[in-house]
C-alpha cells in the first residue's frame, strides 16, 4: 500500500468517527425524553431548587412547591432539546455526586451541593458572541440555565414566594415608575 492511500483511508476513518460522534450527540438531543424518570426524581429537583433559593426568614423553593412547577414546565412547555438537556443534566448531577461524594445529591452536605451546582454552572456557560448564539440555537439552554430560570420563575409566581418572599400588596395603588427601596425592603411581587 502506498502512502497516499494510507493517508486517505486514515482521513476517511477520522471523518467517519467524527460524523458518528456528531450524529450520536444530535440523537441525544432530539430523541423522545424520559419523562417518567423526571417525575420519579422530584426529590432531586426539590433539593436542587432549594440550593438555589434556600429557606431563610422567608420560605425556600421546596416549601413553595417549585419542584412540581419545574416538572410541569419541563413536561409541557419546554422544547424537546431542552427537555433532553435537563434530564441528561439531572443524571450527570447524580453521577457526579455519587462518584465524588459517594452519595446522591439530596444527601450531600450543603457545601458539597453548592460545589456540584457551581461545577454545572461553569460547565453550562455558553460561548461568547456568534458562536454562543449558534450553540444556543442548535442545542438549547444548558441544564443549569433551565434549572435556574424555572426555579426563580416558579418561586416568584408561587403563593409562598409572592406573599412571603417578596413584598406584596393585593391592590398596590397607583404606578410609580422609579421608587428607591428602603434599607432591608424586599423586592415587589406586583408591578
N, C-alpha and C. Protein backbone atom coordinates (compact mmCIF):
# COMPACT_ATOMS: atom_id res chain seq x y z
N UNK A 1 0.86 -1.16 0.00
CA UNK A 1 0.00 0.00 0.00
C UNK A 1 0.91 1.23 0.00
N UNK A 2 0.52 2.20 -0.80
CA UNK A 2 1.35 3.39 -0.82
C UNK A 2 0.87 4.40 0.22
N UNK A 3 1.68 5.40 0.42
CA UNK A 3 1.44 6.39 1.47
C UNK A 3 0.17 7.19 1.22
N UNK A 4 -0.15 7.56 0.00
CA UNK A 4 -1.33 8.36 -0.29
C UNK A 4 -2.62 7.61 0.07
N UNK A 5 -2.67 6.35 -0.28
CA UNK A 5 -3.86 5.56 0.07
C UNK A 5 -4.01 5.43 1.58
N UNK A 6 -2.91 5.24 2.27
CA UNK A 6 -2.96 5.10 3.72
C UNK A 6 -3.45 6.40 4.36
N UNK A 7 -2.93 7.54 3.93
CA UNK A 7 -3.35 8.84 4.48
C UNK A 7 -4.81 9.08 4.15
N UNK A 8 -5.24 8.74 2.94
CA UNK A 8 -6.64 8.92 2.54
C UNK A 8 -7.55 8.07 3.41
N UNK A 9 -7.18 6.84 3.66
CA UNK A 9 -8.01 5.95 4.48
C UNK A 9 -8.06 6.40 5.94
N UNK A 10 -6.94 6.87 6.48
CA UNK A 10 -6.91 7.36 7.85
C UNK A 10 -7.80 8.61 7.98
N UNK A 11 -7.69 9.50 6.99
CA UNK A 11 -8.52 10.71 6.98
C UNK A 11 -9.99 10.34 6.88
N UNK A 12 -10.31 9.43 6.00
CA UNK A 12 -11.69 8.99 5.83
C UNK A 12 -12.23 8.35 7.12
N UNK A 13 -11.40 7.56 7.79
CA UNK A 13 -11.83 6.94 9.05
C UNK A 13 -12.05 8.00 10.13
N UNK A 14 -11.19 9.00 10.20
CA UNK A 14 -11.34 10.09 11.17
C UNK A 14 -12.62 10.87 10.93
N UNK A 15 -12.92 11.17 9.66
CA UNK A 15 -14.14 11.89 9.32
C UNK A 15 -15.36 11.05 9.68
N UNK A 16 -15.28 9.76 9.43
CA UNK A 16 -16.39 8.86 9.77
C UNK A 16 -16.64 8.81 11.26
N UNK A 17 -15.56 8.72 12.06
CA UNK A 17 -15.72 8.69 13.51
C UNK A 17 -16.27 10.02 14.03
N UNK A 18 -15.79 11.13 13.49
CA UNK A 18 -16.30 12.43 13.92
C UNK A 18 -17.78 12.58 13.54
N UNK A 19 -18.14 12.12 12.35
CA UNK A 19 -19.54 12.18 11.92
C UNK A 19 -20.43 11.30 12.79
N UNK A 20 -19.93 10.13 13.17
CA UNK A 20 -20.71 9.24 14.03
C UNK A 20 -20.90 9.86 15.41
N UNK A 21 -19.87 10.50 15.93
CA UNK A 21 -19.98 11.17 17.24
C UNK A 21 -20.98 12.32 17.19
N UNK A 22 -20.92 13.11 16.12
CA UNK A 22 -21.86 14.22 15.97
C UNK A 22 -23.29 13.71 15.81
N UNK A 23 -23.46 12.62 15.06
CA UNK A 23 -24.80 12.05 14.89
C UNK A 23 -25.34 11.54 16.22
N UNK A 24 -24.49 10.93 17.05
CA UNK A 24 -24.94 10.46 18.36
C UNK A 24 -25.34 11.64 19.25
N UNK A 25 -24.53 12.69 19.26
CA UNK A 25 -24.87 13.88 20.05
C UNK A 25 -26.20 14.47 19.59
N UNK A 26 -26.41 14.54 18.29
CA UNK A 26 -27.67 15.07 17.77
C UNK A 26 -28.84 14.18 18.18
N UNK A 27 -28.63 12.88 18.12
CA UNK A 27 -29.69 11.94 18.50
C UNK A 27 -30.06 12.10 19.98
N UNK A 28 -29.06 12.35 20.85
CA UNK A 28 -29.36 12.52 22.27
C UNK A 28 -30.21 13.78 22.51
N UNK A 29 -30.13 14.76 21.61
CA UNK A 29 -30.91 15.98 21.77
C UNK A 29 -32.33 15.85 21.23
N UNK A 30 -32.54 15.06 20.19
CA UNK A 30 -33.85 15.02 19.54
C UNK A 30 -34.67 13.76 19.85
N UNK A 31 -34.11 12.83 20.60
CA UNK A 31 -34.87 11.62 20.93
C UNK A 31 -36.00 11.95 21.89
N UNK A 32 -36.88 11.02 22.07
CA UNK A 32 -38.02 11.21 22.98
C UNK A 32 -37.50 11.23 24.42
N UNK A 33 -37.79 12.29 25.18
CA UNK A 33 -37.26 12.39 26.55
C UNK A 33 -37.93 11.40 27.50
N UNK A 34 -37.20 11.01 28.53
CA UNK A 34 -37.67 10.04 29.52
C UNK A 34 -38.40 10.78 30.65
N UNK A 35 -39.67 11.10 30.41
CA UNK A 35 -40.45 11.88 31.37
C UNK A 35 -40.76 11.10 32.65
N UNK A 36 -40.84 9.79 32.58
CA UNK A 36 -41.10 9.02 33.79
C UNK A 36 -39.91 9.12 34.75
N UNK A 37 -38.69 9.13 34.21
CA UNK A 37 -37.50 9.31 35.05
C UNK A 37 -37.53 10.68 35.72
N UNK A 38 -37.94 11.69 34.96
CA UNK A 38 -38.03 13.05 35.50
C UNK A 38 -39.02 13.09 36.67
N UNK A 39 -40.20 12.53 36.50
CA UNK A 39 -41.21 12.56 37.55
C UNK A 39 -40.80 11.75 38.78
N UNK A 40 -40.03 10.69 38.56
CA UNK A 40 -39.57 9.85 39.68
C UNK A 40 -38.45 10.51 40.49
N UNK A 41 -37.87 11.59 39.98
CA UNK A 41 -36.77 12.25 40.67
C UNK A 41 -37.17 13.64 41.17
N UNK A 42 -38.39 13.74 41.66
CA UNK A 42 -38.90 15.01 42.18
C UNK A 42 -38.08 15.47 43.38
N UNK A 43 -37.65 14.55 44.22
CA UNK A 43 -36.87 14.92 45.40
C UNK A 43 -35.52 15.53 45.01
N UNK A 44 -34.91 15.03 43.95
CA UNK A 44 -33.66 15.61 43.46
C UNK A 44 -33.89 17.04 42.97
N UNK A 45 -34.95 17.24 42.22
CA UNK A 45 -35.27 18.58 41.70
C UNK A 45 -35.58 19.53 42.86
N UNK A 46 -36.28 19.04 43.88
CA UNK A 46 -36.58 19.87 45.05
C UNK A 46 -35.29 20.26 45.78
N UNK A 47 -34.36 19.33 45.91
CA UNK A 47 -33.10 19.63 46.58
C UNK A 47 -32.26 20.63 45.78
N UNK A 48 -32.26 20.48 44.46
CA UNK A 48 -31.53 21.43 43.61
C UNK A 48 -32.12 22.83 43.71
N UNK A 49 -33.44 22.92 43.65
CA UNK A 49 -34.07 24.24 43.72
C UNK A 49 -33.92 24.85 45.11
N UNK A 50 -33.89 24.03 46.13
CA UNK A 50 -33.68 24.54 47.49
C UNK A 50 -32.26 25.07 47.66
N UNK A 51 -31.31 24.52 46.95
CA UNK A 51 -29.94 25.05 46.99
C UNK A 51 -29.88 26.42 46.34
N UNK A 52 -30.67 26.63 45.29
CA UNK A 52 -30.69 27.93 44.61
C UNK A 52 -31.42 28.97 45.44
N UNK A 53 -32.60 28.63 45.98
CA UNK A 53 -33.37 29.54 46.84
C UNK A 53 -33.63 28.83 48.17
N UNK A 54 -32.70 28.96 49.12
CA UNK A 54 -32.87 28.27 50.41
C UNK A 54 -33.86 28.98 51.31
N UNK A 55 -34.36 28.24 52.27
CA UNK A 55 -35.27 28.83 53.26
C UNK A 55 -34.46 29.67 54.24
N UNK A 56 -34.92 30.88 54.47
CA UNK A 56 -34.33 31.77 55.47
C UNK A 56 -35.48 32.24 56.35
N UNK A 57 -35.63 33.55 56.53
CA UNK A 57 -36.81 34.04 57.24
C UNK A 57 -38.04 33.98 56.34
N UNK A 58 -37.83 33.74 55.06
CA UNK A 58 -38.92 33.51 54.11
C UNK A 58 -38.83 32.06 53.63
N UNK A 59 -39.90 31.52 53.10
CA UNK A 59 -39.87 30.11 52.67
C UNK A 59 -38.91 29.89 51.50
N UNK A 60 -38.35 28.70 51.44
CA UNK A 60 -37.46 28.35 50.35
C UNK A 60 -38.21 27.75 49.18
N UNK A 61 -37.48 27.34 48.18
CA UNK A 61 -38.07 26.80 46.96
C UNK A 61 -38.84 25.50 47.23
N UNK A 62 -38.35 24.68 48.14
CA UNK A 62 -39.03 23.41 48.45
C UNK A 62 -40.42 23.68 49.02
N UNK A 63 -40.50 24.62 49.98
CA UNK A 63 -41.78 24.93 50.60
C UNK A 63 -42.74 25.61 49.62
N UNK A 64 -42.19 26.32 48.64
CA UNK A 64 -43.02 26.99 47.63
C UNK A 64 -43.52 26.03 46.56
N UNK A 65 -43.07 24.78 46.57
CA UNK A 65 -43.53 23.80 45.59
C UNK A 65 -42.91 23.97 44.22
N UNK A 66 -41.68 24.43 44.17
CA UNK A 66 -41.01 24.71 42.90
C UNK A 66 -40.74 23.42 42.11
N UNK A 67 -40.51 22.31 42.78
CA UNK A 67 -40.22 21.06 42.06
C UNK A 67 -41.39 20.65 41.16
N UNK A 68 -42.60 20.77 41.67
CA UNK A 68 -43.78 20.46 40.86
C UNK A 68 -43.87 21.40 39.65
N UNK A 69 -43.58 22.67 39.89
CA UNK A 69 -43.60 23.66 38.80
C UNK A 69 -42.57 23.30 37.73
N UNK A 70 -41.36 22.95 38.14
CA UNK A 70 -40.30 22.62 37.18
C UNK A 70 -40.69 21.40 36.36
N UNK A 71 -41.20 20.37 37.01
CA UNK A 71 -41.60 19.16 36.29
C UNK A 71 -42.71 19.48 35.29
N UNK A 72 -43.67 20.27 35.70
CA UNK A 72 -44.77 20.66 34.80
C UNK A 72 -44.24 21.47 33.62
N UNK A 73 -43.35 22.41 33.86
CA UNK A 73 -42.80 23.23 32.79
C UNK A 73 -41.94 22.40 31.83
N UNK A 74 -41.14 21.50 32.37
CA UNK A 74 -40.30 20.66 31.50
C UNK A 74 -41.19 19.77 30.64
N UNK A 75 -42.20 19.18 31.24
CA UNK A 75 -43.07 18.25 30.51
C UNK A 75 -43.96 18.94 29.49
N UNK A 76 -44.43 20.15 29.80
CA UNK A 76 -45.46 20.78 28.97
C UNK A 76 -44.99 21.95 28.12
N UNK A 77 -44.00 22.69 28.55
CA UNK A 77 -43.69 23.97 27.91
C UNK A 77 -42.26 24.11 27.42
N UNK A 78 -41.50 23.05 27.42
CA UNK A 78 -40.09 23.13 27.06
C UNK A 78 -39.84 22.34 25.78
N UNK A 79 -39.03 22.89 24.85
CA UNK A 79 -38.71 22.15 23.62
C UNK A 79 -37.99 20.83 23.93
N UNK A 80 -38.08 19.89 23.01
CA UNK A 80 -37.53 18.55 23.21
C UNK A 80 -36.02 18.60 23.48
N UNK A 81 -35.29 19.45 22.77
CA UNK A 81 -33.84 19.55 23.00
C UNK A 81 -33.55 19.93 24.44
N UNK A 82 -34.29 20.91 24.96
CA UNK A 82 -34.05 21.35 26.32
C UNK A 82 -34.56 20.35 27.34
N UNK A 83 -35.62 19.61 27.01
CA UNK A 83 -36.07 18.53 27.89
C UNK A 83 -34.94 17.51 28.05
N UNK A 84 -34.34 17.12 26.93
CA UNK A 84 -33.24 16.16 26.98
C UNK A 84 -32.02 16.74 27.69
N UNK A 85 -31.72 18.03 27.47
CA UNK A 85 -30.61 18.67 28.19
C UNK A 85 -30.85 18.61 29.70
N UNK A 86 -32.07 18.90 30.13
CA UNK A 86 -32.38 18.93 31.55
C UNK A 86 -32.29 17.53 32.16
N UNK A 87 -32.88 16.56 31.52
CA UNK A 87 -32.85 15.19 32.06
C UNK A 87 -31.43 14.64 32.06
N UNK A 88 -30.67 14.91 31.00
CA UNK A 88 -29.27 14.47 30.96
C UNK A 88 -28.47 15.16 32.06
N UNK A 89 -28.76 16.44 32.30
CA UNK A 89 -28.07 17.17 33.35
C UNK A 89 -28.38 16.62 34.73
N UNK A 90 -29.65 16.25 34.96
CA UNK A 90 -30.00 15.63 36.25
C UNK A 90 -29.26 14.33 36.46
N UNK A 91 -29.19 13.52 35.40
CA UNK A 91 -28.46 12.24 35.51
C UNK A 91 -26.98 12.48 35.74
N UNK A 92 -26.41 13.47 35.04
CA UNK A 92 -25.00 13.79 35.22
C UNK A 92 -24.73 14.32 36.63
N UNK A 93 -25.67 15.08 37.18
CA UNK A 93 -25.53 15.60 38.54
C UNK A 93 -25.49 14.45 39.54
N UNK A 94 -26.40 13.48 39.38
CA UNK A 94 -26.40 12.33 40.29
C UNK A 94 -25.12 11.52 40.15
N UNK A 95 -24.68 11.31 38.90
CA UNK A 95 -23.45 10.54 38.68
C UNK A 95 -22.25 11.24 39.30
N UNK A 96 -22.16 12.56 39.12
CA UNK A 96 -21.03 13.31 39.68
C UNK A 96 -21.03 13.24 41.20
N UNK A 97 -22.19 13.42 41.82
CA UNK A 97 -22.26 13.40 43.28
C UNK A 97 -21.95 12.01 43.83
N UNK A 98 -22.42 10.99 43.14
CA UNK A 98 -22.13 9.62 43.61
C UNK A 98 -20.66 9.29 43.47
N UNK A 99 -20.03 9.74 42.37
CA UNK A 99 -18.61 9.42 42.18
C UNK A 99 -17.71 10.28 43.05
N UNK A 100 -18.06 11.55 43.25
CA UNK A 100 -17.20 12.46 44.00
C UNK A 100 -17.45 12.41 45.51
N UNK A 101 -18.72 12.31 45.93
CA UNK A 101 -19.06 12.37 47.35
C UNK A 101 -19.59 11.04 47.90
N UNK A 102 -19.85 10.07 47.02
CA UNK A 102 -20.29 8.75 47.46
C UNK A 102 -21.75 8.66 47.85
N UNK A 103 -22.54 9.66 47.53
CA UNK A 103 -23.98 9.63 47.85
C UNK A 103 -24.72 10.52 46.87
N UNK A 104 -26.04 10.33 46.76
CA UNK A 104 -26.82 11.17 45.84
C UNK A 104 -26.83 12.64 46.31
N UNK A 105 -27.19 13.50 45.39
CA UNK A 105 -27.17 14.95 45.65
C UNK A 105 -27.99 15.32 46.88
N UNK A 106 -29.16 14.72 47.05
CA UNK A 106 -30.06 15.06 48.13
C UNK A 106 -29.43 14.83 49.51
N UNK A 107 -28.50 13.88 49.61
CA UNK A 107 -27.91 13.50 50.88
C UNK A 107 -26.53 14.10 51.09
N UNK A 108 -26.06 14.91 50.16
CA UNK A 108 -24.76 15.56 50.31
C UNK A 108 -24.86 16.73 51.28
N UNK A 109 -23.73 17.12 51.83
CA UNK A 109 -23.66 18.30 52.70
C UNK A 109 -23.95 19.55 51.87
N UNK A 110 -24.47 20.60 52.49
CA UNK A 110 -24.78 21.83 51.74
C UNK A 110 -23.59 22.39 50.96
N UNK A 111 -22.40 22.32 51.53
CA UNK A 111 -21.22 22.83 50.82
C UNK A 111 -20.94 21.99 49.57
N UNK A 112 -21.12 20.67 49.66
CA UNK A 112 -20.93 19.80 48.51
C UNK A 112 -22.00 20.05 47.45
N UNK A 113 -23.24 20.30 47.88
CA UNK A 113 -24.31 20.62 46.93
C UNK A 113 -23.99 21.90 46.17
N UNK A 114 -23.53 22.91 46.88
CA UNK A 114 -23.17 24.17 46.22
C UNK A 114 -22.01 23.98 45.26
N UNK A 115 -21.03 23.17 45.65
CA UNK A 115 -19.88 22.92 44.77
C UNK A 115 -20.33 22.18 43.50
N UNK A 116 -21.23 21.23 43.65
CA UNK A 116 -21.72 20.49 42.48
C UNK A 116 -22.50 21.42 41.55
N UNK A 117 -23.35 22.28 42.11
CA UNK A 117 -24.10 23.22 41.28
C UNK A 117 -23.17 24.22 40.61
N UNK A 118 -22.14 24.66 41.30
CA UNK A 118 -21.18 25.59 40.72
C UNK A 118 -20.45 24.95 39.55
N UNK A 119 -20.13 23.66 39.69
CA UNK A 119 -19.48 22.93 38.59
C UNK A 119 -20.37 22.94 37.35
N UNK A 120 -21.66 22.66 37.53
CA UNK A 120 -22.57 22.61 36.38
C UNK A 120 -22.87 24.01 35.84
N UNK A 121 -22.80 25.01 36.69
CA UNK A 121 -22.97 26.38 36.21
C UNK A 121 -21.81 26.75 35.29
N UNK A 122 -20.60 26.43 35.70
CA UNK A 122 -19.42 26.75 34.88
C UNK A 122 -19.39 25.90 33.62
N UNK A 123 -19.80 24.65 33.74
CA UNK A 123 -19.83 23.75 32.58
C UNK A 123 -20.85 24.20 31.55
N UNK A 124 -21.95 24.82 31.99
CA UNK A 124 -23.02 25.23 31.10
C UNK A 124 -22.88 26.63 30.53
N UNK A 125 -21.74 27.29 30.78
CA UNK A 125 -21.55 28.64 30.24
C UNK A 125 -21.48 28.57 28.72
N UNK A 126 -22.26 29.40 28.03
CA UNK A 126 -22.20 29.39 26.56
C UNK A 126 -20.96 30.11 26.05
N UNK A 127 -20.63 29.84 24.80
CA UNK A 127 -19.55 30.57 24.15
C UNK A 127 -19.94 32.03 24.02
N UNK A 128 -18.97 32.88 23.79
CA UNK A 128 -19.23 34.31 23.61
C UNK A 128 -19.54 34.61 22.14
N UNK A 129 -20.33 35.62 21.90
CA UNK A 129 -20.58 36.13 20.56
C UNK A 129 -21.42 35.23 19.69
N UNK A 130 -21.06 35.20 18.41
CA UNK A 130 -21.83 34.45 17.42
C UNK A 130 -21.81 32.95 17.70
N UNK A 131 -20.69 32.45 18.16
CA UNK A 131 -20.61 31.02 18.47
C UNK A 131 -21.60 30.64 19.57
N UNK A 132 -21.78 31.50 20.56
CA UNK A 132 -22.74 31.24 21.63
C UNK A 132 -24.18 31.26 21.12
N UNK A 133 -24.47 32.19 20.22
CA UNK A 133 -25.81 32.24 19.64
C UNK A 133 -26.09 31.00 18.81
N UNK A 134 -25.11 30.56 18.05
CA UNK A 134 -25.26 29.35 17.24
C UNK A 134 -25.43 28.12 18.13
N UNK A 135 -24.64 28.04 19.19
CA UNK A 135 -24.75 26.92 20.12
C UNK A 135 -26.14 26.90 20.77
N UNK A 136 -26.63 28.06 21.20
CA UNK A 136 -27.96 28.13 21.82
C UNK A 136 -29.04 27.72 20.83
N UNK A 137 -28.88 28.10 19.58
CA UNK A 137 -29.88 27.75 18.57
C UNK A 137 -29.88 26.25 18.30
N UNK A 138 -28.69 25.65 18.24
CA UNK A 138 -28.59 24.23 17.91
C UNK A 138 -28.91 23.31 19.09
N UNK A 139 -28.43 23.66 20.28
CA UNK A 139 -28.57 22.73 21.40
C UNK A 139 -29.54 23.19 22.49
N UNK A 140 -29.97 24.45 22.47
CA UNK A 140 -30.87 24.93 23.51
C UNK A 140 -30.11 25.36 24.75
N UNK A 141 -30.87 25.73 25.79
CA UNK A 141 -30.25 26.16 27.04
C UNK A 141 -29.60 24.98 27.75
N UNK A 142 -28.61 25.30 28.57
CA UNK A 142 -27.93 24.26 29.35
C UNK A 142 -28.80 23.82 30.53
N UNK A 143 -28.42 22.71 31.13
CA UNK A 143 -29.14 22.17 32.28
C UNK A 143 -29.24 23.21 33.39
N UNK A 144 -28.13 23.83 33.76
CA UNK A 144 -28.15 24.77 34.87
C UNK A 144 -29.00 26.00 34.56
N UNK A 145 -28.93 26.49 33.34
CA UNK A 145 -29.71 27.67 32.96
C UNK A 145 -31.21 27.38 33.07
N UNK A 146 -31.62 26.20 32.60
CA UNK A 146 -33.04 25.80 32.69
C UNK A 146 -33.45 25.68 34.15
N UNK A 147 -32.62 25.01 34.95
CA UNK A 147 -32.92 24.83 36.38
C UNK A 147 -33.05 26.18 37.07
N UNK A 148 -32.13 27.08 36.84
CA UNK A 148 -32.15 28.38 37.50
C UNK A 148 -33.36 29.21 37.05
N UNK A 149 -33.60 29.26 35.74
CA UNK A 149 -34.73 30.04 35.23
C UNK A 149 -36.06 29.54 35.80
N UNK A 150 -36.29 28.24 35.76
CA UNK A 150 -37.55 27.70 36.25
C UNK A 150 -37.67 27.78 37.77
N UNK A 151 -36.56 27.69 38.49
CA UNK A 151 -36.61 27.83 39.94
C UNK A 151 -37.04 29.23 40.33
N UNK A 152 -36.43 30.23 39.72
CA UNK A 152 -36.78 31.62 40.04
C UNK A 152 -38.21 31.93 39.61
N UNK A 153 -38.58 31.50 38.41
CA UNK A 153 -39.94 31.74 37.93
C UNK A 153 -40.98 31.04 38.81
N UNK A 154 -40.72 29.79 39.15
CA UNK A 154 -41.65 29.05 40.00
C UNK A 154 -41.77 29.63 41.39
N UNK A 155 -40.67 30.10 41.93
CA UNK A 155 -40.70 30.69 43.27
C UNK A 155 -41.46 32.01 43.27
N UNK A 156 -41.13 32.86 42.31
CA UNK A 156 -41.75 34.20 42.29
C UNK A 156 -43.24 34.15 41.93
N UNK A 157 -43.70 33.11 41.26
CA UNK A 157 -45.11 33.00 40.92
C UNK A 157 -45.90 32.13 41.89
N UNK A 158 -45.22 31.54 42.87
CA UNK A 158 -45.93 30.74 43.87
C UNK A 158 -46.54 31.65 44.92
N UNK A 159 -47.53 31.14 45.60
CA UNK A 159 -48.18 31.92 46.65
C UNK A 159 -47.20 32.24 47.78
N UNK A 160 -46.44 31.25 48.21
CA UNK A 160 -45.48 31.46 49.30
C UNK A 160 -44.38 32.45 48.88
N UNK A 161 -43.89 32.31 47.66
CA UNK A 161 -42.83 33.21 47.20
C UNK A 161 -43.31 34.63 47.02
N UNK A 162 -44.50 34.79 46.44
CA UNK A 162 -45.01 36.14 46.15
C UNK A 162 -45.46 36.87 47.41
N UNK A 163 -45.99 36.14 48.39
CA UNK A 163 -46.53 36.83 49.57
C UNK A 163 -45.55 36.88 50.73
N UNK A 164 -44.67 35.88 50.85
CA UNK A 164 -43.74 35.85 51.99
C UNK A 164 -42.30 36.14 51.59
N UNK A 165 -41.92 35.78 50.40
CA UNK A 165 -40.55 36.01 49.94
C UNK A 165 -40.36 37.36 49.29
N UNK A 166 -41.41 37.90 48.72
CA UNK A 166 -41.37 39.21 48.07
C UNK A 166 -42.36 40.13 48.77
N UNK A 167 -42.19 41.42 48.61
CA UNK A 167 -43.17 42.36 49.15
C UNK A 167 -44.43 42.27 48.29
N UNK A 168 -45.59 42.28 48.92
CA UNK A 168 -46.83 42.06 48.18
C UNK A 168 -47.93 42.95 48.71
N UNK A 169 -48.58 43.65 47.80
CA UNK A 169 -49.79 44.39 48.11
C UNK A 169 -50.87 43.90 47.16
N UNK A 170 -52.01 43.47 47.71
CA UNK A 170 -53.06 42.93 46.86
C UNK A 170 -53.53 43.99 45.86
N UNK A 171 -53.74 45.20 46.32
CA UNK A 171 -54.07 46.32 45.43
C UNK A 171 -52.99 47.36 45.65
N UNK A 172 -51.99 47.40 44.76
CA UNK A 172 -50.82 48.25 45.02
C UNK A 172 -51.07 49.74 44.88
N UNK A 173 -52.16 50.18 44.30
CA UNK A 173 -52.40 51.60 44.15
C UNK A 173 -51.85 52.12 42.83
N UNK A 174 -51.48 53.36 42.82
CA UNK A 174 -51.03 53.97 41.56
C UNK A 174 -49.61 53.53 41.21
N UNK A 175 -49.27 53.70 39.95
CA UNK A 175 -47.97 53.29 39.44
C UNK A 175 -46.95 54.41 39.66
N UNK A 176 -45.84 54.05 40.24
CA UNK A 176 -44.70 54.96 40.39
C UNK A 176 -43.51 54.27 39.75
N UNK A 177 -43.03 54.82 38.65
CA UNK A 177 -42.01 54.16 37.84
C UNK A 177 -40.69 53.95 38.53
N UNK A 178 -40.27 54.85 39.37
CA UNK A 178 -38.95 54.74 39.99
C UNK A 178 -39.05 55.16 41.45
N UNK A 179 -39.01 54.18 42.33
CA UNK A 179 -39.08 54.45 43.76
C UNK A 179 -37.85 53.82 44.40
N UNK A 180 -37.10 54.59 45.14
CA UNK A 180 -35.93 53.98 45.82
C UNK A 180 -36.40 53.01 46.91
N UNK A 181 -35.71 51.89 46.99
CA UNK A 181 -36.03 50.92 48.04
C UNK A 181 -35.43 51.37 49.36
N UNK A 182 -36.14 51.10 50.42
CA UNK A 182 -35.65 51.41 51.76
C UNK A 182 -34.66 50.31 52.17
N UNK A 183 -33.73 50.58 53.06
CA UNK A 183 -32.80 49.53 53.51
C UNK A 183 -33.56 48.34 54.10
N UNK A 184 -33.25 47.15 53.62
CA UNK A 184 -33.89 45.93 54.09
C UNK A 184 -35.25 45.65 53.48
N UNK A 185 -35.72 46.51 52.56
CA UNK A 185 -37.01 46.29 51.92
C UNK A 185 -36.90 45.19 50.87
N UNK A 186 -37.95 44.37 50.76
CA UNK A 186 -37.97 43.29 49.79
C UNK A 186 -38.37 43.83 48.42
N UNK A 187 -38.02 43.10 47.39
CA UNK A 187 -38.46 43.43 46.03
C UNK A 187 -39.96 43.20 45.92
N UNK A 188 -40.62 43.89 45.00
CA UNK A 188 -42.08 43.80 44.88
C UNK A 188 -42.50 42.62 44.02
N UNK A 189 -43.53 41.92 44.42
CA UNK A 189 -44.10 40.83 43.66
C UNK A 189 -45.12 41.34 42.66
N UNK A 190 -45.62 42.55 42.86
CA UNK A 190 -46.61 43.13 41.93
C UNK A 190 -45.98 44.34 41.27
N UNK A 191 -46.44 44.66 40.08
CA UNK A 191 -45.91 45.83 39.38
C UNK A 191 -46.77 47.04 39.65
